[in-house]
N, C-alpha and C. Protein backbone atom coordinates (compact mmCIF):
# COMPACT_ATOMS: atom_id res chain seq x y z
N UNK A 1 27.21 8.52 -4.27
CA UNK A 1 26.24 7.59 -3.72
C UNK A 1 26.80 7.00 -2.43
N UNK A 2 25.94 6.87 -1.41
CA UNK A 2 26.36 6.36 -0.11
C UNK A 2 26.68 4.88 -0.14
N UNK A 3 27.39 4.43 0.87
CA UNK A 3 27.76 3.04 1.00
C UNK A 3 26.54 2.24 1.46
N UNK A 4 26.15 1.27 0.69
CA UNK A 4 25.00 0.44 1.05
C UNK A 4 25.53 -0.79 1.77
N UNK A 5 25.14 -0.92 3.05
CA UNK A 5 25.65 -2.01 3.87
C UNK A 5 25.00 -3.35 3.54
N UNK A 6 23.73 -3.32 3.15
CA UNK A 6 23.01 -4.56 2.89
C UNK A 6 22.46 -4.59 1.47
N UNK A 7 22.32 -5.79 0.95
CA UNK A 7 21.70 -5.99 -0.36
C UNK A 7 20.27 -6.46 -0.10
N UNK A 8 19.25 -5.64 -0.41
CA UNK A 8 17.85 -6.06 -0.20
C UNK A 8 17.54 -7.28 -1.06
N UNK A 9 16.81 -8.26 -0.48
CA UNK A 9 16.54 -9.50 -1.21
C UNK A 9 15.06 -9.82 -1.35
N UNK A 10 14.44 -10.24 -0.26
CA UNK A 10 13.08 -10.77 -0.36
C UNK A 10 12.27 -10.40 0.89
N UNK A 11 10.95 -10.60 0.78
CA UNK A 11 10.09 -10.59 1.95
C UNK A 11 10.13 -12.01 2.50
N UNK A 12 10.75 -12.18 3.66
CA UNK A 12 10.90 -13.51 4.24
C UNK A 12 9.57 -14.06 4.73
N UNK A 13 8.74 -13.18 5.31
CA UNK A 13 7.42 -13.60 5.78
C UNK A 13 6.59 -12.34 6.00
N UNK A 14 5.27 -12.51 5.99
CA UNK A 14 4.39 -11.38 6.31
C UNK A 14 3.09 -11.91 6.88
N UNK A 15 2.38 -11.02 7.58
CA UNK A 15 1.05 -11.31 8.09
C UNK A 15 0.16 -10.10 7.87
N UNK A 16 -1.13 -10.35 7.79
CA UNK A 16 -2.12 -9.29 7.60
C UNK A 16 -3.03 -9.26 8.82
N UNK A 17 -3.40 -8.04 9.22
CA UNK A 17 -4.25 -7.84 10.40
C UNK A 17 -5.35 -6.84 10.07
N UNK A 18 -6.50 -7.01 10.70
CA UNK A 18 -7.54 -5.99 10.65
C UNK A 18 -7.96 -5.69 12.08
N UNK A 19 -7.93 -4.42 12.43
CA UNK A 19 -8.26 -3.98 13.80
C UNK A 19 -7.52 -4.80 14.85
N UNK A 20 -6.26 -5.13 14.57
CA UNK A 20 -5.43 -5.86 15.53
C UNK A 20 -5.57 -7.37 15.49
N UNK A 21 -6.53 -7.88 14.73
CA UNK A 21 -6.73 -9.33 14.65
C UNK A 21 -6.07 -9.88 13.39
N UNK A 22 -5.31 -10.98 13.56
CA UNK A 22 -4.62 -11.57 12.42
C UNK A 22 -5.62 -12.19 11.45
N UNK A 23 -5.44 -11.88 10.16
CA UNK A 23 -6.25 -12.49 9.11
C UNK A 23 -5.50 -13.73 8.62
N UNK A 24 -5.95 -14.89 9.04
CA UNK A 24 -5.20 -16.10 8.72
C UNK A 24 -5.61 -16.71 7.38
N UNK A 25 -6.64 -16.18 6.76
CA UNK A 25 -7.12 -16.76 5.52
C UNK A 25 -6.57 -16.13 4.25
N UNK A 26 -5.68 -15.12 4.38
CA UNK A 26 -5.18 -14.46 3.18
C UNK A 26 -4.19 -15.34 2.44
N UNK A 27 -4.05 -15.07 1.14
CA UNK A 27 -3.13 -15.85 0.32
C UNK A 27 -1.69 -15.39 0.55
N UNK A 28 -0.76 -16.04 -0.10
CA UNK A 28 0.65 -15.77 0.08
C UNK A 28 1.17 -14.57 -0.68
N UNK A 29 0.29 -13.87 -1.40
CA UNK A 29 0.75 -12.73 -2.19
C UNK A 29 -0.25 -11.58 -2.06
N UNK A 30 0.28 -10.38 -1.84
CA UNK A 30 -0.57 -9.20 -1.68
C UNK A 30 0.05 -8.08 -2.50
N UNK A 31 -0.64 -7.62 -3.55
CA UNK A 31 -0.12 -6.52 -4.35
C UNK A 31 -0.63 -5.20 -3.78
N UNK A 32 0.29 -4.30 -3.50
CA UNK A 32 -0.05 -3.01 -2.90
C UNK A 32 -0.59 -2.05 -3.96
N UNK A 33 -1.30 -1.00 -3.53
CA UNK A 33 -1.90 -0.06 -4.49
C UNK A 33 -0.85 0.66 -5.33
N UNK A 34 -1.24 1.00 -6.54
CA UNK A 34 -0.40 1.76 -7.45
C UNK A 34 -0.75 3.24 -7.35
N UNK A 35 0.25 4.09 -7.26
CA UNK A 35 0.05 5.54 -7.20
C UNK A 35 0.17 6.10 -8.61
N UNK A 36 -0.96 6.41 -9.23
CA UNK A 36 -0.98 6.97 -10.58
C UNK A 36 -1.38 8.44 -10.49
N UNK A 37 -0.42 9.33 -10.77
CA UNK A 37 -0.65 10.76 -10.64
C UNK A 37 -1.72 11.24 -11.62
N UNK A 38 -2.55 12.17 -11.14
CA UNK A 38 -3.50 12.84 -12.01
C UNK A 38 -2.73 13.95 -12.71
N UNK A 39 -2.80 13.98 -14.04
CA UNK A 39 -2.00 14.92 -14.81
C UNK A 39 -2.87 15.81 -15.69
N UNK A 40 -2.25 16.89 -16.14
CA UNK A 40 -2.89 17.83 -17.07
C UNK A 40 -1.87 18.17 -18.14
N UNK A 41 -2.33 18.24 -19.38
CA UNK A 41 -1.45 18.61 -20.49
C UNK A 41 -1.23 20.12 -20.50
N UNK A 42 0.04 20.51 -20.62
CA UNK A 42 0.41 21.92 -20.65
C UNK A 42 0.91 22.26 -22.05
N UNK A 43 0.41 23.37 -22.59
CA UNK A 43 0.87 23.86 -23.89
C UNK A 43 0.67 25.36 -23.93
N UNK A 44 1.21 25.99 -24.94
CA UNK A 44 0.99 27.43 -25.10
C UNK A 44 2.27 28.21 -25.21
N UNK A 45 2.15 29.52 -25.03
CA UNK A 45 3.29 30.42 -25.17
C UNK A 45 4.43 30.01 -24.24
N UNK A 46 5.64 29.98 -24.77
CA UNK A 46 6.82 29.65 -23.99
C UNK A 46 7.08 28.17 -23.84
N UNK A 47 6.23 27.32 -24.43
CA UNK A 47 6.39 25.87 -24.32
C UNK A 47 6.48 25.29 -25.73
N UNK A 48 7.53 24.51 -25.97
CA UNK A 48 7.65 23.84 -27.26
C UNK A 48 6.82 22.56 -27.23
N UNK A 49 5.72 22.55 -27.93
CA UNK A 49 4.85 21.38 -27.93
C UNK A 49 4.03 21.29 -26.67
N UNK A 50 3.95 20.08 -26.13
CA UNK A 50 3.16 19.85 -24.91
C UNK A 50 3.94 18.96 -23.96
N UNK A 51 3.53 19.00 -22.72
CA UNK A 51 4.01 18.04 -21.72
C UNK A 51 2.92 17.88 -20.68
N UNK A 52 3.00 16.79 -19.93
CA UNK A 52 2.03 16.56 -18.87
C UNK A 52 2.66 16.90 -17.53
N UNK A 53 1.91 17.60 -16.70
CA UNK A 53 2.35 17.92 -15.36
C UNK A 53 1.39 17.28 -14.37
N UNK A 54 1.93 16.90 -13.23
CA UNK A 54 1.08 16.31 -12.20
C UNK A 54 0.82 17.33 -11.10
N UNK A 55 -0.23 17.10 -10.35
CA UNK A 55 -0.55 17.91 -9.18
C UNK A 55 -0.12 17.09 -7.97
N UNK A 56 0.99 17.46 -7.31
CA UNK A 56 1.48 16.65 -6.19
C UNK A 56 0.38 16.34 -5.17
N UNK A 57 0.33 15.08 -4.79
CA UNK A 57 -0.65 14.63 -3.81
C UNK A 57 -1.96 14.17 -4.42
N UNK A 58 -2.15 14.41 -5.70
CA UNK A 58 -3.39 14.02 -6.36
C UNK A 58 -3.16 12.76 -7.19
N UNK A 59 -3.76 11.68 -6.73
CA UNK A 59 -3.63 10.39 -7.41
C UNK A 59 -5.02 9.85 -7.72
N UNK A 60 -5.08 9.08 -8.78
CA UNK A 60 -6.35 8.45 -9.09
C UNK A 60 -6.67 7.42 -8.01
N UNK A 61 -7.78 6.75 -8.15
CA UNK A 61 -8.25 5.78 -7.18
C UNK A 61 -7.15 4.80 -6.79
N UNK A 62 -6.94 4.64 -5.48
CA UNK A 62 -6.00 3.64 -4.97
C UNK A 62 -6.81 2.44 -4.52
N UNK A 63 -6.53 1.28 -5.09
CA UNK A 63 -7.29 0.09 -4.71
C UNK A 63 -6.36 -0.98 -4.16
N UNK A 64 -6.88 -1.74 -3.22
CA UNK A 64 -6.15 -2.84 -2.61
C UNK A 64 -7.01 -4.09 -2.70
N UNK A 65 -6.50 -5.11 -3.38
CA UNK A 65 -7.16 -6.41 -3.39
C UNK A 65 -6.63 -7.23 -2.22
N UNK A 66 -7.52 -7.77 -1.44
CA UNK A 66 -7.16 -8.67 -0.35
C UNK A 66 -7.73 -10.03 -0.74
N UNK A 67 -6.84 -10.94 -1.10
CA UNK A 67 -7.24 -12.24 -1.62
C UNK A 67 -7.18 -13.28 -0.51
N UNK A 68 -8.22 -14.08 -0.42
CA UNK A 68 -8.34 -15.12 0.60
C UNK A 68 -8.38 -16.50 -0.06
N UNK A 69 -7.84 -17.48 0.65
CA UNK A 69 -7.83 -18.85 0.11
C UNK A 69 -9.24 -19.38 -0.10
N UNK A 70 -10.10 -19.19 0.90
CA UNK A 70 -11.49 -19.64 0.79
C UNK A 70 -12.40 -18.63 1.48
N UNK A 71 -13.69 -18.80 1.33
CA UNK A 71 -14.66 -17.95 2.04
C UNK A 71 -14.70 -18.40 3.50
N UNK A 72 -14.31 -17.52 4.39
CA UNK A 72 -14.39 -17.83 5.81
C UNK A 72 -14.66 -16.54 6.58
N UNK A 73 -14.61 -16.59 7.89
CA UNK A 73 -14.92 -15.42 8.72
C UNK A 73 -14.04 -14.22 8.39
N UNK A 74 -12.77 -14.48 8.08
CA UNK A 74 -11.84 -13.38 7.81
C UNK A 74 -12.34 -12.46 6.70
N UNK A 75 -12.78 -13.03 5.60
CA UNK A 75 -13.18 -12.20 4.46
C UNK A 75 -14.43 -11.39 4.80
N UNK A 76 -15.34 -11.98 5.55
CA UNK A 76 -16.57 -11.27 5.88
C UNK A 76 -16.34 -10.19 6.94
N UNK A 77 -15.23 -10.29 7.67
CA UNK A 77 -14.94 -9.29 8.71
C UNK A 77 -14.55 -7.93 8.12
N UNK A 78 -14.22 -7.88 6.82
CA UNK A 78 -13.84 -6.61 6.21
C UNK A 78 -14.79 -6.20 5.08
N UNK A 79 -16.00 -6.75 5.10
CA UNK A 79 -16.92 -6.50 3.99
C UNK A 79 -18.03 -5.49 4.27
N UNK A 80 -18.12 -4.93 5.45
CA UNK A 80 -19.19 -4.00 5.74
C UNK A 80 -18.92 -2.65 5.06
N UNK A 81 -19.71 -2.27 4.05
CA UNK A 81 -19.45 -1.02 3.32
C UNK A 81 -19.70 0.24 4.16
N UNK A 82 -20.34 0.10 5.32
CA UNK A 82 -20.60 1.24 6.19
C UNK A 82 -19.46 1.53 7.16
N UNK A 83 -18.48 0.64 7.21
CA UNK A 83 -17.38 0.79 8.15
C UNK A 83 -16.06 0.95 7.41
N UNK A 84 -15.18 1.74 8.00
CA UNK A 84 -13.83 1.90 7.47
C UNK A 84 -13.04 0.63 7.78
N UNK A 85 -12.40 0.07 6.77
CA UNK A 85 -11.56 -1.12 6.97
C UNK A 85 -10.16 -0.64 7.34
N UNK A 86 -9.62 -1.20 8.41
CA UNK A 86 -8.30 -0.83 8.89
C UNK A 86 -7.40 -2.07 8.76
N UNK A 87 -6.49 -2.05 7.79
CA UNK A 87 -5.59 -3.18 7.57
C UNK A 87 -4.16 -2.81 7.95
N UNK A 88 -3.44 -3.78 8.48
CA UNK A 88 -2.02 -3.63 8.73
C UNK A 88 -1.32 -4.86 8.19
N UNK A 89 -0.29 -4.63 7.39
CA UNK A 89 0.56 -5.71 6.89
C UNK A 89 1.92 -5.56 7.58
N UNK A 90 2.38 -6.61 8.22
CA UNK A 90 3.69 -6.61 8.87
C UNK A 90 4.56 -7.65 8.16
N UNK A 91 5.75 -7.20 7.75
CA UNK A 91 6.63 -8.08 6.99
C UNK A 91 8.04 -8.04 7.54
N UNK A 92 8.78 -9.10 7.26
CA UNK A 92 10.19 -9.17 7.56
C UNK A 92 10.93 -9.14 6.22
N UNK A 93 11.68 -8.05 5.99
CA UNK A 93 12.42 -7.88 4.74
C UNK A 93 13.84 -8.41 4.94
N UNK A 94 14.19 -9.40 4.15
CA UNK A 94 15.49 -10.05 4.28
C UNK A 94 16.51 -9.38 3.37
N UNK A 95 17.74 -9.27 3.88
CA UNK A 95 18.84 -8.72 3.09
C UNK A 95 20.12 -9.46 3.44
N UNK A 96 21.15 -9.26 2.61
CA UNK A 96 22.47 -9.81 2.88
C UNK A 96 23.42 -8.67 3.20
N UNK A 97 24.16 -8.84 4.29
CA UNK A 97 25.16 -7.85 4.68
C UNK A 97 26.35 -8.00 3.74
N UNK A 98 26.67 -6.93 3.01
CA UNK A 98 27.73 -6.99 2.00
C UNK A 98 29.09 -7.36 2.58
N UNK A 99 29.40 -6.85 3.75
CA UNK A 99 30.74 -7.06 4.31
C UNK A 99 30.96 -8.48 4.83
N UNK A 100 29.88 -9.17 5.23
CA UNK A 100 30.04 -10.50 5.83
C UNK A 100 29.32 -11.62 5.08
N UNK A 101 28.34 -11.27 4.27
CA UNK A 101 27.54 -12.30 3.59
C UNK A 101 26.45 -12.88 4.46
N UNK A 102 26.34 -12.41 5.72
CA UNK A 102 25.31 -12.91 6.64
C UNK A 102 23.95 -12.33 6.27
N UNK A 103 22.90 -13.01 6.69
CA UNK A 103 21.55 -12.51 6.48
C UNK A 103 21.18 -11.55 7.60
N UNK A 104 20.35 -10.57 7.24
CA UNK A 104 19.83 -9.61 8.21
C UNK A 104 18.37 -9.35 7.85
N UNK A 105 17.64 -8.74 8.77
CA UNK A 105 16.21 -8.51 8.56
C UNK A 105 15.83 -7.11 9.02
N UNK A 106 14.89 -6.51 8.30
CA UNK A 106 14.30 -5.23 8.68
C UNK A 106 12.80 -5.43 8.78
N UNK A 107 12.20 -4.62 9.66
CA UNK A 107 10.75 -4.67 9.76
C UNK A 107 10.13 -3.78 8.69
N UNK A 108 8.97 -4.17 8.24
CA UNK A 108 8.19 -3.36 7.31
C UNK A 108 6.75 -3.40 7.80
N UNK A 109 6.15 -2.21 7.87
CA UNK A 109 4.75 -2.13 8.30
C UNK A 109 4.02 -1.24 7.31
N UNK A 110 2.88 -1.75 6.83
CA UNK A 110 2.04 -0.99 5.91
C UNK A 110 0.65 -0.94 6.51
N UNK A 111 0.14 0.28 6.72
CA UNK A 111 -1.20 0.47 7.27
C UNK A 111 -2.05 1.07 6.17
N UNK A 112 -3.22 0.49 5.96
CA UNK A 112 -4.17 1.01 4.97
C UNK A 112 -5.54 1.13 5.60
N UNK A 113 -6.23 2.21 5.26
CA UNK A 113 -7.62 2.37 5.68
C UNK A 113 -8.43 2.70 4.44
N UNK A 114 -9.58 2.04 4.35
CA UNK A 114 -10.41 2.27 3.17
C UNK A 114 -11.78 1.66 3.33
N UNK A 115 -12.50 1.66 2.22
CA UNK A 115 -13.88 1.14 2.22
C UNK A 115 -14.04 0.07 1.15
N UNK A 116 -15.00 -0.81 1.40
CA UNK A 116 -15.31 -1.87 0.46
C UNK A 116 -15.68 -1.29 -0.90
N UNK A 117 -15.04 -1.80 -1.94
CA UNK A 117 -15.34 -1.39 -3.30
C UNK A 117 -16.01 -2.53 -4.06
N UNK A 118 -15.49 -3.74 -3.87
CA UNK A 118 -16.12 -4.90 -4.51
C UNK A 118 -15.77 -6.18 -3.77
N UNK A 119 -16.56 -7.19 -4.04
CA UNK A 119 -16.39 -8.51 -3.43
C UNK A 119 -16.51 -9.56 -4.53
N UNK A 120 -15.53 -10.44 -4.62
CA UNK A 120 -15.53 -11.53 -5.58
C UNK A 120 -15.47 -12.84 -4.79
N UNK A 121 -16.56 -13.63 -4.78
CA UNK A 121 -16.56 -14.85 -3.97
C UNK A 121 -15.52 -15.89 -4.40
N UNK A 122 -15.06 -15.83 -5.65
CA UNK A 122 -14.04 -16.77 -6.11
C UNK A 122 -14.63 -17.92 -6.89
N UNK A 123 -13.88 -19.01 -6.96
CA UNK A 123 -14.29 -20.16 -7.78
C UNK A 123 -14.27 -21.43 -6.93
N UNK A 124 -15.09 -22.38 -7.34
CA UNK A 124 -15.12 -23.68 -6.69
C UNK A 124 -14.42 -24.69 -7.60
N UNK A 125 -13.40 -25.34 -7.08
CA UNK A 125 -12.68 -26.35 -7.84
C UNK A 125 -12.11 -27.35 -6.84
N UNK A 126 -12.34 -28.63 -7.09
CA UNK A 126 -11.88 -29.66 -6.15
C UNK A 126 -10.38 -29.57 -5.91
N UNK A 127 -10.01 -29.52 -4.64
CA UNK A 127 -8.61 -29.51 -4.26
C UNK A 127 -7.88 -28.21 -4.53
N UNK A 128 -8.60 -27.13 -4.79
CA UNK A 128 -7.97 -25.84 -5.10
C UNK A 128 -8.48 -24.76 -4.15
N UNK A 129 -7.73 -23.66 -4.07
CA UNK A 129 -8.20 -22.51 -3.30
C UNK A 129 -9.26 -21.78 -4.11
N UNK A 130 -10.11 -21.04 -3.43
CA UNK A 130 -11.19 -20.30 -4.09
C UNK A 130 -10.70 -18.96 -4.65
N UNK A 131 -9.66 -18.39 -4.06
CA UNK A 131 -9.17 -17.06 -4.44
C UNK A 131 -10.29 -16.03 -4.37
N UNK A 132 -11.02 -16.06 -3.28
CA UNK A 132 -12.05 -15.05 -3.01
C UNK A 132 -11.34 -13.72 -2.77
N UNK A 133 -12.01 -12.61 -3.09
CA UNK A 133 -11.30 -11.33 -3.03
C UNK A 133 -12.22 -10.21 -2.60
N UNK A 134 -11.68 -9.35 -1.73
CA UNK A 134 -12.31 -8.09 -1.37
C UNK A 134 -11.42 -6.99 -1.94
N UNK A 135 -12.03 -6.04 -2.64
CA UNK A 135 -11.29 -4.89 -3.17
C UNK A 135 -11.69 -3.67 -2.36
N UNK A 136 -10.68 -2.97 -1.86
CA UNK A 136 -10.91 -1.78 -1.05
C UNK A 136 -10.50 -0.53 -1.80
N UNK A 137 -11.23 0.55 -1.57
CA UNK A 137 -10.82 1.88 -2.00
C UNK A 137 -9.98 2.44 -0.86
N UNK A 138 -8.68 2.60 -1.10
CA UNK A 138 -7.76 3.04 -0.05
C UNK A 138 -7.78 4.56 0.06
N UNK A 139 -8.08 5.04 1.26
CA UNK A 139 -8.13 6.47 1.53
C UNK A 139 -6.90 6.94 2.31
N UNK A 140 -6.23 6.00 2.98
CA UNK A 140 -5.05 6.32 3.79
C UNK A 140 -4.06 5.17 3.67
N UNK A 141 -2.78 5.52 3.54
CA UNK A 141 -1.73 4.49 3.54
C UNK A 141 -0.50 5.03 4.24
N UNK A 142 0.14 4.19 5.05
CA UNK A 142 1.37 4.51 5.75
C UNK A 142 2.34 3.36 5.48
N UNK A 143 3.56 3.69 5.06
CA UNK A 143 4.59 2.67 4.84
C UNK A 143 5.78 3.01 5.72
N UNK A 144 6.14 2.07 6.60
CA UNK A 144 7.30 2.22 7.48
C UNK A 144 8.29 1.12 7.19
N UNK A 145 9.57 1.47 7.17
CA UNK A 145 10.65 0.50 7.03
C UNK A 145 11.57 0.68 8.22
N UNK A 146 11.76 -0.38 8.99
CA UNK A 146 12.59 -0.35 10.19
C UNK A 146 12.18 0.77 11.14
N UNK A 147 10.88 0.99 11.26
CA UNK A 147 10.35 1.97 12.19
C UNK A 147 10.34 3.40 11.68
N UNK A 148 10.87 3.65 10.48
CA UNK A 148 10.90 5.00 9.92
C UNK A 148 9.79 5.16 8.89
N UNK A 149 9.06 6.27 8.99
CA UNK A 149 8.00 6.54 8.02
C UNK A 149 8.62 6.92 6.69
N UNK A 150 8.31 6.14 5.66
CA UNK A 150 8.80 6.42 4.32
C UNK A 150 7.72 7.11 3.48
N UNK A 151 6.45 6.76 3.73
CA UNK A 151 5.34 7.36 2.99
C UNK A 151 4.12 7.41 3.89
N UNK A 152 3.46 8.56 3.92
CA UNK A 152 2.16 8.68 4.56
C UNK A 152 1.29 9.50 3.64
N UNK A 153 0.15 8.93 3.27
CA UNK A 153 -0.74 9.57 2.30
C UNK A 153 -2.17 9.44 2.80
N UNK A 154 -2.84 10.58 2.97
CA UNK A 154 -4.20 10.62 3.48
C UNK A 154 -5.03 11.51 2.56
N UNK A 155 -5.86 10.88 1.73
CA UNK A 155 -6.65 11.61 0.73
C UNK A 155 -7.63 12.60 1.35
N UNK A 156 -8.20 12.26 2.49
CA UNK A 156 -9.25 13.09 3.08
C UNK A 156 -8.71 14.24 3.91
N UNK A 157 -7.44 14.19 4.31
CA UNK A 157 -6.88 15.21 5.17
C UNK A 157 -5.67 15.94 4.57
N UNK A 158 -5.49 15.81 3.26
CA UNK A 158 -4.41 16.50 2.53
C UNK A 158 -3.04 16.27 3.14
N UNK A 159 -2.74 15.02 3.44
CA UNK A 159 -1.43 14.66 3.98
C UNK A 159 -0.68 13.86 2.93
N UNK A 160 0.55 14.30 2.62
CA UNK A 160 1.41 13.58 1.69
C UNK A 160 2.84 13.79 2.15
N UNK A 161 3.37 12.80 2.86
CA UNK A 161 4.71 12.86 3.44
C UNK A 161 5.56 11.77 2.82
N UNK A 162 6.74 12.14 2.30
CA UNK A 162 7.68 11.18 1.74
C UNK A 162 9.03 11.39 2.41
N UNK A 163 9.58 10.32 2.99
CA UNK A 163 10.86 10.39 3.71
C UNK A 163 10.88 11.52 4.74
N UNK A 164 9.77 11.70 5.44
CA UNK A 164 9.68 12.70 6.49
C UNK A 164 9.42 14.12 6.02
N UNK A 165 9.33 14.34 4.72
CA UNK A 165 9.09 15.69 4.19
C UNK A 165 7.62 15.84 3.81
N UNK A 166 6.98 16.86 4.37
CA UNK A 166 5.57 17.17 4.10
C UNK A 166 5.49 17.90 2.76
N UNK A 167 5.10 17.20 1.72
CA UNK A 167 5.10 17.76 0.37
C UNK A 167 3.95 18.72 0.10
N UNK A 168 2.96 18.74 0.98
CA UNK A 168 1.81 19.64 0.77
C UNK A 168 1.74 20.78 1.79
N UNK A 169 2.81 20.97 2.53
CA UNK A 169 2.83 22.01 3.57
C UNK A 169 2.48 23.39 2.98
N UNK A 170 3.13 23.78 1.88
CA UNK A 170 2.86 25.09 1.27
C UNK A 170 1.47 25.13 0.65
N UNK A 171 1.06 24.03 0.08
CA UNK A 171 -0.27 23.98 -0.55
C UNK A 171 -1.36 24.26 0.49
N UNK A 172 -1.25 23.60 1.66
CA UNK A 172 -2.23 23.83 2.74
C UNK A 172 -2.14 25.27 3.25
N UNK A 173 -0.94 25.80 3.34
CA UNK A 173 -0.77 27.17 3.86
C UNK A 173 -1.38 28.21 2.93
N UNK A 174 -1.35 27.97 1.62
CA UNK A 174 -1.83 28.94 0.63
C UNK A 174 -3.28 28.73 0.23
N UNK A 175 -3.89 27.66 0.70
CA UNK A 175 -5.27 27.41 0.24
C UNK A 175 -6.26 27.40 1.39
């Protein structure tokens, strides 16, 4: 195992943008989509029992909840079901340098494109946030850490790249 110079710690700060405009109404927490592989059970001659195999690049629905403190212009700016929503999350990932104990930071950028799936206006309560929510069906996601592409996934264009390796190159060539 390689020498790890820094100990990853926390997201020090982040901001959300749509089409280059900062979304100032989002809450302090954003859960990213879960990648759940579509699988098929394999059994038969030469196999003891059964096992599930996945089809690389095939994942079930990817959804992104974008939660807002209250109903304002920001939430309505990403609600048009006829338009592709283009979101960018920019974060500062904090770590500790093992050799010195000093703090250091890396950039993190996550780009998502998708369409409106649902809208939850939230709740009304005196002195509380509404927690209004837009849920998007994510069709494209890009994750960069310190300027390096770690993941690029595009459902409509058969793109699935992890750590710079195109995992569907042969699949596209043979199909």
